[in-house]
């Protein structure tokens, strides 16, 4: 593993997969799906363990490897283990207080995800939920940006955010989404079991996710820019939760 948390080369990746190492993503050079050798085994082992596979350019792998021979394959390690959604709810029960969960529905910038995790941990959240696809994950950049909070705040990684929302709602959790079409965030009652949903940097919340939310919340925009950085918006909402629960 190099200093960026990458496992480089076919045999090292295969051994890491067989050993059950905590891996985040397996990167394979473009065209790897039709190549022979050990690549089919790497794909098979990754799929069996539910580890996402991303096809990238050889130039991308060259950059990630920093000059090392990657043989068309690199795996990134996790900075923390993923847990089930039930663990997040159990955390709230142990604290004897309403659940407070953050759902990052497609944050692709690891710096944004790290910033959200850092604020969530400071605000007393019970954990975060992220999707397996089209999202930043718990890599070394997230760990550094979160100032280590990524190793403290439990994170669940799910195949489908909509299904995760349904699971939370079945447990009595109210789901609030951050969206410009919503109501004033200061008027919502955020003292019960809640989950805050933060959308992607470019597209915000998807239609299905918005429909699943019990309520949409917006932040006032008095300047020329009509949106905030996702991690900043998440921070404002999280501290409104903390404010209401402290009163």
C-alpha atoms as a PDB file:
ATOM      1  CA  UNK A   1       0.000   0.000   0.000  1.00  0.00           C
ATOM      2  CA  UNK A   2       1.414   3.412  -0.890  1.00  0.00           C
ATOM      3  CA  UNK A   3       1.162   6.606   1.158  1.00  0.00           C
ATOM      4  CA  UNK A   4      -2.167   7.432  -0.475  1.00  0.00           C
ATOM      5  CA  UNK A   5      -3.783   4.236   0.780  1.00  0.00           C
ATOM      6  CA  UNK A   6      -3.659   2.441  -2.612  1.00  0.00           C
ATOM      7  CA  UNK A   7      -2.869  -1.232  -3.181  1.00  0.00           C
ATOM      8  CA  UNK A   8      -1.095  -1.412  -6.524  1.00  0.00           C
ATOM      9  CA  UNK A   9      -0.800  -4.317  -8.946  1.00  0.00           C
ATOM     10  CA  UNK A  10      -2.781  -7.464  -9.732  1.00  0.00           C
ATOM     11  CA  UNK A  11      -1.290  -9.900  -7.228  1.00  0.00           C
ATOM     12  CA  UNK A  12      -1.341  -7.467  -4.268  1.00  0.00           C
ATOM     13  CA  UNK A  13      -5.008  -6.633  -5.021  1.00  0.00           C
ATOM     14  CA  UNK A  14      -5.923 -10.334  -5.313  1.00  0.00           C
ATOM     15  CA  UNK A  15      -4.237 -11.130  -2.003  1.00  0.00           C
ATOM     16  CA  UNK A  16      -5.996  -8.201  -0.319  1.00  0.00           C
ATOM     17  CA  UNK A  17      -9.354  -9.409  -1.668  1.00  0.00           C
ATOM     18  CA  UNK A  18      -8.756 -12.990  -0.557  1.00  0.00           C
ATOM     19  CA  UNK A  19      -7.596 -11.848   2.887  1.00  0.00           C
ATOM     20  CA  UNK A  20     -10.791  -9.870   3.458  1.00  0.00           C
ATOM     21  CA  UNK A  21      -8.983  -6.532   3.671  1.00  0.00           C
ATOM     22  CA  UNK A  22     -11.225  -3.493   4.028  1.00  0.00           C
ATOM     23  CA  UNK A  23     -11.257  -2.189   0.459  1.00  0.00           C
ATOM     24  CA  UNK A  24     -13.225   0.745  -0.832  1.00  0.00           C
ATOM     25  CA  UNK A  25     -12.991   0.576  -4.634  1.00  0.00           C
ATOM     26  CA  UNK A  26     -11.131  -1.459  -7.249  1.00  0.00           C
ATOM     27  CA  UNK A  27      -9.929   0.575 -10.246  1.00  0.00           C
ATOM     28  CA  UNK A  28      -9.292  -1.245 -13.530  1.00  0.00           C
ATOM     29  CA  UNK A  29      -7.844   0.290 -16.670  1.00  0.00           C
ATOM     30  CA  UNK A  30     -10.250   0.839 -19.563  1.00  0.00           C
ATOM     31  CA  UNK A  31     -10.851  -2.318 -21.566  1.00  0.00           C
ATOM     32  CA  UNK A  32     -10.058  -4.463 -18.550  1.00  0.00           C
ATOM     33  CA  UNK A  33     -13.440  -6.166 -18.694  1.00  0.00           C
ATOM     34  CA  UNK A  34     -12.430  -8.004 -21.883  1.00  0.00           C
ATOM     35  CA  UNK A  35      -8.827  -8.737 -20.883  1.00  0.00           C
ATOM     36  CA  UNK A  36      -7.637 -12.116 -19.735  1.00  0.00           C
ATOM     37  CA  UNK A  37      -5.150 -13.115 -17.095  1.00  0.00           C
ATOM     38  CA  UNK A  38      -6.097 -12.404 -13.507  1.00  0.00           C
ATOM     39  CA  UNK A  39      -8.544  -9.566 -14.207  1.00  0.00           C
ATOM     40  CA  UNK A  40     -11.624 -11.844 -14.322  1.00  0.00           C
ATOM     41  CA  UNK A  41     -10.636 -13.205 -10.898  1.00  0.00           C
ATOM     42  CA  UNK A  42     -10.263  -9.673  -9.526  1.00  0.00           C
ATOM     43  CA  UNK A  43     -13.689  -8.757 -10.851  1.00  0.00           C
ATOM     44  CA  UNK A  44     -15.221 -11.941  -9.441  1.00  0.00           C
ATOM     45  CA  UNK A  45     -13.724 -11.486  -5.965  1.00  0.00           C
ATOM     46  CA  UNK A  46     -14.667  -7.796  -5.889  1.00  0.00           C
ATOM     47  CA  UNK A  47     -18.247  -8.532  -6.920  1.00  0.00           C
ATOM     48  CA  UNK A  48     -18.596 -11.305  -4.341  1.00  0.00           C
ATOM     49  CA  UNK A  49     -17.520  -8.896  -1.599  1.00  0.00           C
ATOM     50  CA  UNK A  50     -19.697  -6.052  -2.884  1.00  0.00           C
ATOM     51  CA  UNK A  51     -16.724  -3.803  -3.619  1.00  0.00           C
ATOM     52  CA  UNK A  52     -17.424  -1.319  -6.444  1.00  0.00           C
ATOM     53  CA  UNK A  53     -15.322  -1.632  -9.605  1.00  0.00           C
ATOM     54  CA  UNK A  54     -14.506   1.514 -11.562  1.00  0.00           C
ATOM     55  CA  UNK A  55     -13.128   1.467 -15.097  1.00  0.00           C
ATOM     56  CA  UNK A  56     -10.671   4.332 -15.546  1.00  0.00           C
ATOM     57  CA  UNK A  57      -8.006   5.381 -18.013  1.00  0.00           C
ATOM     58  CA  UNK A  58      -4.456   4.124 -17.873  1.00  0.00           C
ATOM     59  CA  UNK A  59      -3.336   7.694 -17.319  1.00  0.00           C
ATOM     60  CA  UNK A  60      -5.527   7.891 -14.221  1.00  0.00           C
ATOM     61  CA  UNK A  61      -3.924   4.741 -12.827  1.00  0.00           C
ATOM     62  CA  UNK A  62      -0.455   6.068 -13.675  1.00  0.00           C
ATOM     63  CA  UNK A  63      -1.189   9.158 -11.604  1.00  0.00           C
ATOM     64  CA  UNK A  64      -2.610   7.141  -8.709  1.00  0.00           C
ATOM     65  CA  UNK A  65       0.357   4.760  -8.719  1.00  0.00           C
ATOM     66  CA  UNK A  66       2.904   7.569  -8.620  1.00  0.00           C
ATOM     67  CA  UNK A  67       5.318   5.752 -10.894  1.00  0.00           C
ATOM     68  CA  UNK A  68       4.802   2.230  -9.537  1.00  0.00           C
ATOM     69  CA  UNK A  69       3.865  -0.615 -11.902  1.00  0.00           C
ATOM     70  CA  UNK A  70       0.114  -1.073 -11.508  1.00  0.00           C
ATOM     71  CA  UNK A  71      -0.549  -3.705 -14.227  1.00  0.00           C
ATOM     72  CA  UNK A  72      -3.904  -2.040 -14.894  1.00  0.00           C
ATOM     73  CA  UNK A  73      -5.287  -2.537 -11.382  1.00  0.00           C
ATOM     74  CA  UNK A  74      -5.335  -0.456  -8.170  1.00  0.00           C
ATOM     75  CA  UNK A  75      -7.486  -0.853  -5.074  1.00  0.00           C
ATOM     76  CA  UNK A  76      -8.145   1.847  -2.506  1.00  0.00           C
ATOM     77  CA  UNK A  77      -8.380   0.981   1.167  1.00  0.00           C
ATOM     78  CA  UNK A  78     -11.057   2.221   3.556  1.00  0.00           C
ATOM     79  CA  UNK A  79     -10.184   4.536   6.430  1.00  0.00           C
ATOM     80  CA  UNK A  80     -12.963   2.868   8.447  1.00  0.00           C
ATOM     81  CA  UNK A  81     -15.279  -0.141   8.278  1.00  0.00           C
ATOM     82  CA  UNK A  82     -18.796   0.276   6.929  1.00  0.00           C
ATOM     83  CA  UNK A  83     -21.720  -0.774   9.129  1.00  0.00           C
ATOM     84  CA  UNK A  84     -25.397  -1.603   8.710  1.00  0.00           C
ATOM     85  CA  UNK A  85     -28.084   1.081   9.055  1.00  0.00           C
ATOM     86  CA  UNK A  86     -29.296  -0.680  12.184  1.00  0.00           C
ATOM     87  CA  UNK A  87     -26.013   0.203  13.889  1.00  0.00           C
ATOM     88  CA  UNK A  88     -26.705   3.913  13.389  1.00  0.00           C
ATOM     89  CA  UNK A  89     -30.088   3.556  15.064  1.00  0.00           C
ATOM     90  CA  UNK A  90     -28.564   1.519  17.886  1.00  0.00           C
ATOM     91  CA  UNK A  91     -26.115   4.361  18.521  1.00  0.00           C
ATOM     92  CA  UNK A  92     -29.016   6.703  19.196  1.00  0.00           C
ATOM     93  CA  UNK A  93     -30.664   4.169  21.507  1.00  0.00           C
ATOM     94  CA  UNK A  94     -27.468   3.822  23.514  1.00  0.00           C
ATOM     95  CA  UNK A  95     -27.378   7.601  23.981  1.00  0.00           C
ATOM     96  CA  UNK A  96     -31.066   7.573  24.980  1.00  0.00           C
ATOM     97  CA  UNK A  97     -31.950  10.353  22.556  1.00  0.00           C
ATOM     98  CA  UNK A  98     -33.691  10.719  19.173  1.00  0.00           C
ATOM     99  CA  UNK A  99     -31.812   9.414  16.166  1.00  0.00           C
ATOM    100  CA  UNK A 100     -29.856  11.951  14.119  1.00  0.00           C
ATOM    101  CA  UNK A 101     -28.572  10.580  10.807  1.00  0.00           C
ATOM    102  CA  UNK A 102     -26.999  12.282   7.803  1.00  0.00           C
ATOM    103  CA  UNK A 103     -27.650  10.900   4.309  1.00  0.00           C
ATOM    104  CA  UNK A 104     -25.173  12.044   1.653  1.00  0.00           C
ATOM    105  CA  UNK A 105     -27.032  11.243  -1.552  1.00  0.00           C
ATOM    106  CA  UNK A 106     -24.231  11.481  -4.092  1.00  0.00           C
ATOM    107  CA  UNK A 107     -21.472  13.774  -2.813  1.00  0.00           C
ATOM    108  CA  UNK A 108     -18.700  13.084  -5.314  1.00  0.00           C
ATOM    109  CA  UNK A 109     -15.999  15.356  -3.897  1.00  0.00           C
ATOM    110  CA  UNK A 110     -14.157  13.585  -1.055  1.00  0.00           C
ATOM    111  CA  UNK A 111     -13.319  16.971   0.463  1.00  0.00           C
ATOM    112  CA  UNK A 112     -17.032  17.756   0.724  1.00  0.00           C
ATOM    113  CA  UNK A 113     -17.788  14.357   2.226  1.00  0.00           C
ATOM    114  CA  UNK A 114     -14.946  14.756   4.705  1.00  0.00           C
ATOM    115  CA  UNK A 115     -16.212  18.196   5.720  1.00  0.00           C
ATOM    116  CA  UNK A 116     -19.745  16.847   6.223  1.00  0.00           C
ATOM    117  CA  UNK A 117     -18.446  13.991   8.369  1.00  0.00           C
ATOM    118  CA  UNK A 118     -16.354  16.349  10.489  1.00  0.00           C
ATOM    119  CA  UNK A 119     -19.342  18.604  11.163  1.00  0.00           C
ATOM    120  CA  UNK A 120     -21.692  15.669  11.715  1.00  0.00           C
ATOM    121  CA  UNK A 121     -19.418  14.183  14.364  1.00  0.00           C
ATOM    122  CA  UNK A 122     -19.057  17.559  16.078  1.00  0.00           C
ATOM    123  CA  UNK A 123     -22.832  18.106  16.010  1.00  0.00           C
ATOM    124  CA  UNK A 124     -23.491  14.733  17.638  1.00  0.00           C
ATOM    125  CA  UNK A 125     -24.909  12.817  14.670  1.00  0.00           C
ATOM    126  CA  UNK A 126     -25.272   9.059  15.096  1.00  0.00           C
ATOM    127  CA  UNK A 127     -23.830   8.249  11.690  1.00  0.00           C
ATOM    128  CA  UNK A 128     -23.971   8.839   7.952  1.00  0.00           C
ATOM    129  CA  UNK A 129     -25.302   6.926   4.975  1.00  0.00           C
ATOM    130  CA  UNK A 130     -23.647   7.040   1.544  1.00  0.00           C
ATOM    131  CA  UNK A 131     -24.424   5.216  -1.727  1.00  0.00           C
ATOM    132  CA  UNK A 132     -22.089   2.641  -3.259  1.00  0.00           C
ATOM    133  CA  UNK A 133     -22.243   4.250  -6.689  1.00  0.00           C
ATOM    134  CA  UNK A 134     -21.605   7.798  -7.897  1.00  0.00           C
ATOM    135  CA  UNK A 135     -20.339   8.959  -4.538  1.00  0.00           C
ATOM    136  CA  UNK A 136     -17.138   9.686  -2.712  1.00  0.00           C
ATOM    137  CA  UNK A 137     -16.286   6.988  -0.202  1.00  0.00           C
ATOM    138  CA  UNK A 138     -14.283   6.599   2.979  1.00  0.00           C
ATOM    139  CA  UNK A 139     -10.843   6.973   1.457  1.00  0.00           C
ATOM    140  CA  UNK A 140      -7.726   8.622   2.804  1.00  0.00           C
ATOM    141  CA  UNK A 141      -8.681  12.060   1.444  1.00  0.00           C
ATOM    142  CA  UNK A 142     -11.977  11.903   3.338  1.00  0.00           C
ATOM    143  CA  UNK A 143     -10.129  10.825   6.486  1.00  0.00           C
ATOM    144  CA  UNK A 144      -7.722  13.757   6.277  1.00  0.00           C
ATOM    145  CA  UNK A 145     -10.401  16.322   5.433  1.00  0.00           C
ATOM    146  CA  UNK A 146     -12.579  15.102   8.295  1.00  0.00           C
ATOM    147  CA  UNK A 147      -9.674  15.576  10.742  1.00  0.00           C
ATOM    148  CA  UNK A 148     -10.054  11.933  11.721  1.00  0.00           C
ATOM    149  CA  UNK A 149     -13.810  12.092  12.315  1.00  0.00           C
ATOM    150  CA  UNK A 150     -14.324   9.486   9.577  1.00  0.00           C
ATOM    151  CA  UNK A 151     -12.811   6.914  11.916  1.00  0.00           C
ATOM    152  CA  UNK A 152     -15.191   7.955  14.721  1.00  0.00           C
ATOM    153  CA  UNK A 153     -18.551   8.425  13.001  1.00  0.00           C
ATOM    154  CA  UNK A 154     -20.199   5.165  11.835  1.00  0.00           C
ATOM    155  CA  UNK A 155     -20.982   5.048   8.122  1.00  0.00           C
ATOM    156  CA  UNK A 156     -23.367   2.762   6.236  1.00  0.00           C
ATOM    157  CA  UNK A 157     -22.818   2.215   2.525  1.00  0.00           C
ATOM    158  CA  UNK A 158     -25.960   1.202   0.658  1.00  0.00           C
ATOM    159  CA  UNK A 159     -26.877   0.089  -2.853  1.00  0.00           C
ATOM    160  CA  UNK A 160     -29.974   2.288  -2.975  1.00  0.00           C
ATOM    161  CA  UNK A 161     -30.603   5.534  -1.086  1.00  0.00           C
ATOM    162  CA  UNK A 162     -34.381   5.368  -1.653  1.00  0.00           C
ATOM    163  CA  UNK A 163     -34.497   1.913  -0.049  1.00  0.00           C
ATOM    164  CA  UNK A 164     -32.387   3.216   2.845  1.00  0.00           C
ATOM    165  CA  UNK A 165     -34.869   6.056   3.373  1.00  0.00           C
ATOM    166  CA  UNK A 166     -37.724   3.547   3.413  1.00  0.00           C
ATOM    167  CA  UNK A 167     -35.892   1.517   6.046  1.00  0.00           C
ATOM    168  CA  UNK A 168     -35.391   4.568   8.242  1.00  0.00           C
ATOM    169  CA  UNK A 169     -39.011   5.643   7.876  1.00  0.00           C
ATOM    170  CA  UNK A 170     -40.172   2.171   8.879  1.00  0.00           C
ATOM    171  CA  UNK A 171     -38.271   2.734  12.139  1.00  0.00           C
ATOM    172  CA  UNK A 172     -40.027   6.020  12.854  1.00  0.00           C
ATOM    173  CA  UNK A 173     -37.366   8.357  11.466  1.00  0.00           C
ATOM    174  CA  UNK A 174     -38.579  11.527   9.740  1.00  0.00           C
ATOM    175  CA  UNK A 175     -36.591  12.394   6.628  1.00  0.00           C
ATOM    176  CA  UNK A 176     -35.764  16.002   5.737  1.00  0.00           C
ATOM    177  CA  UNK A 177     -34.156  16.898   2.414  1.00  0.00           C
ATOM    178  CA  UNK A 178     -32.154  20.024   1.636  1.00  0.00           C
ATOM    179  CA  UNK A 179     -33.707  21.587  -1.461  1.00  0.00           C
ATOM    180  CA  UNK A 180     -34.360  25.079  -2.768  1.00  0.00           C
ATOM    181  CA  UNK A 181     -38.057  24.237  -3.230  1.00  0.00           C
ATOM    182  CA  UNK A 182     -38.498  23.510   0.475  1.00  0.00           C
ATOM    183  CA  UNK A 183     -39.725  25.550   3.405  1.00  0.00           C
ATOM    184  CA  UNK A 184     -37.824  27.684   5.911  1.00  0.00           C
ATOM    185  CA  UNK A 185     -35.465  25.372   7.802  1.00  0.00           C
ATOM    186  CA  UNK A 186     -35.935  27.288  11.053  1.00  0.00           C
ATOM    187  CA  UNK A 187     -39.672  26.545  11.069  1.00  0.00           C
ATOM    188  CA  UNK A 188     -39.290  22.750  11.019  1.00  0.00           C
ATOM    189  CA  UNK A 189     -39.385  20.694  14.200  1.00  0.00           C
ATOM    190  CA  UNK A 190     -36.067  18.855  14.193  1.00  0.00           C
ATOM    191  CA  UNK A 191     -36.198  17.487  17.719  1.00  0.00           C
ATOM    192  CA  UNK A 192     -37.486  13.972  16.973  1.00  0.00           C
ATOM    193  CA  UNK A 193     -35.928  11.028  15.138  1.00  0.00           C
ATOM    194  CA  UNK A 194     -34.614  12.605  11.933  1.00  0.00           C
ATOM    195  CA  UNK A 195     -32.396  12.061   8.924  1.00  0.00           C
ATOM    196  CA  UNK A 196     -31.051  14.969   6.872  1.00  0.00           C
ATOM    197  CA  UNK A 197     -30.529  14.297   3.170  1.00  0.00           C
ATOM    198  CA  UNK A 198     -27.862  16.271   1.310  1.00  0.00           C
ATOM    199  CA  UNK A 199     -27.845  15.948  -2.479  1.00  0.00           C
ATOM    200  CA  UNK A 200     -24.996  15.942  -4.974  1.00  0.00           C
ATOM    201  CA  UNK A 201     -22.905  19.016  -5.692  1.00  0.00           C
ATOM    202  CA  UNK A 202     -24.161  19.354  -9.265  1.00  0.00           C
ATOM    203  CA  UNK A 203     -27.747  18.092  -9.286  1.00  0.00           C
ATOM    204  CA  UNK A 204     -28.922  18.297  -5.681  1.00  0.00           C
ATOM    205  CA  UNK A 205     -31.594  15.788  -4.704  1.00  0.00           C
ATOM    206  CA  UNK A 206     -32.985  13.427  -7.314  1.00  0.00           C
ATOM    207  CA  UNK A 207     -36.728  13.329  -7.990  1.00  0.00           C
ATOM    208  CA  UNK A 208     -37.363   9.983  -6.288  1.00  0.00           C
ATOM    209  CA  UNK A 209     -35.420  10.996  -3.202  1.00  0.00           C
ATOM    210  CA  UNK A 210     -37.343  14.276  -2.933  1.00  0.00           C
ATOM    211  CA  UNK A 211     -40.612  12.376  -3.189  1.00  0.00           C
ATOM    212  CA  UNK A 212     -39.522  10.069  -0.369  1.00  0.00           C
ATOM    213  CA  UNK A 213     -38.641  12.928   1.987  1.00  0.00           C
ATOM    214  CA  UNK A 214     -41.252  13.850   4.582  1.00  0.00           C
ATOM    215  CA  UNK A 215     -40.265  17.505   4.296  1.00  0.00           C
ATOM    216  CA  UNK A 216     -37.931  19.672   2.215  1.00  0.00           C
ATOM    217  CA  UNK A 217     -35.924  22.470   3.817  1.00  0.00           C
ATOM    218  CA  UNK A 218     -34.255  25.462   2.209  1.00  0.00           C
ATOM    219  CA  UNK A 219     -31.713  28.035   3.348  1.00  0.00           C
ATOM    220  CA  UNK A 220     -32.379  31.731   2.612  1.00  0.00           C
ATOM    221  CA  UNK A 221     -30.385  33.140  -0.308  1.00  0.00           C
ATOM    222  CA  UNK A 222     -30.120  36.918  -0.325  1.00  0.00           C
ATOM    223  CA  UNK A 223     -27.184  37.315  -2.697  1.00  0.00           C
ATOM    224  CA  UNK A 224     -26.703  36.688  -6.401  1.00  0.00           C
ATOM    225  CA  UNK A 225     -25.672  33.059  -5.890  1.00  0.00           C
ATOM    226  CA  UNK A 226     -28.662  30.749  -5.422  1.00  0.00           C
ATOM    227  CA  UNK A 227     -26.926  27.824  -3.760  1.00  0.00           C
ATOM    228  CA  UNK A 228     -24.320  26.972  -1.124  1.00  0.00           C
ATOM    229  CA  UNK A 229     -21.545  24.438  -1.132  1.00  0.00           C
ATOM    230  CA  UNK A 230     -23.097  21.113  -0.100  1.00  0.00           C
ATOM    231  CA  UNK A 231     -20.952  20.745   3.013  1.00  0.00           C
ATOM    232  CA  UNK A 232     -21.727  24.307   4.113  1.00  0.00           C
ATOM    233  CA  UNK A 233     -25.481  23.792   3.686  1.00  0.00           C
ATOM    234  CA  UNK A 234     -25.231  20.511   5.579  1.00  0.00           C
ATOM    235  CA  UNK A 235     -23.390  22.260   8.399  1.00  0.00           C
ATOM    236  CA  UNK A 236     -26.046  24.953   8.766  1.00  0.00           C
ATOM    237  CA  UNK A 237     -28.816  22.363   8.941  1.00  0.00           C
ATOM    238  CA  UNK A 238     -26.950  20.113  11.354  1.00  0.00           C
ATOM    239  CA  UNK A 239     -26.360  22.944  13.774  1.00  0.00           C
ATOM    240  CA  UNK A 240     -30.001  23.949  13.575  1.00  0.00           C
ATOM    241  CA  UNK A 241     -30.776  20.422  14.762  1.00  0.00           C
ATOM    242  CA  UNK A 242     -28.261  20.836  17.578  1.00  0.00           C
ATOM    243  CA  UNK A 243     -29.701  24.262  18.492  1.00  0.00           C
ATOM    244  CA  UNK A 244     -33.256  22.988  18.697  1.00  0.00           C
ATOM    245  CA  UNK A 245     -32.267  19.963  20.749  1.00  0.00           C
ATOM    246  CA  UNK A 246     -30.252  22.096  23.166  1.00  0.00           C
ATOM    247  CA  UNK A 247     -33.164  24.367  24.027  1.00  0.00           C
END
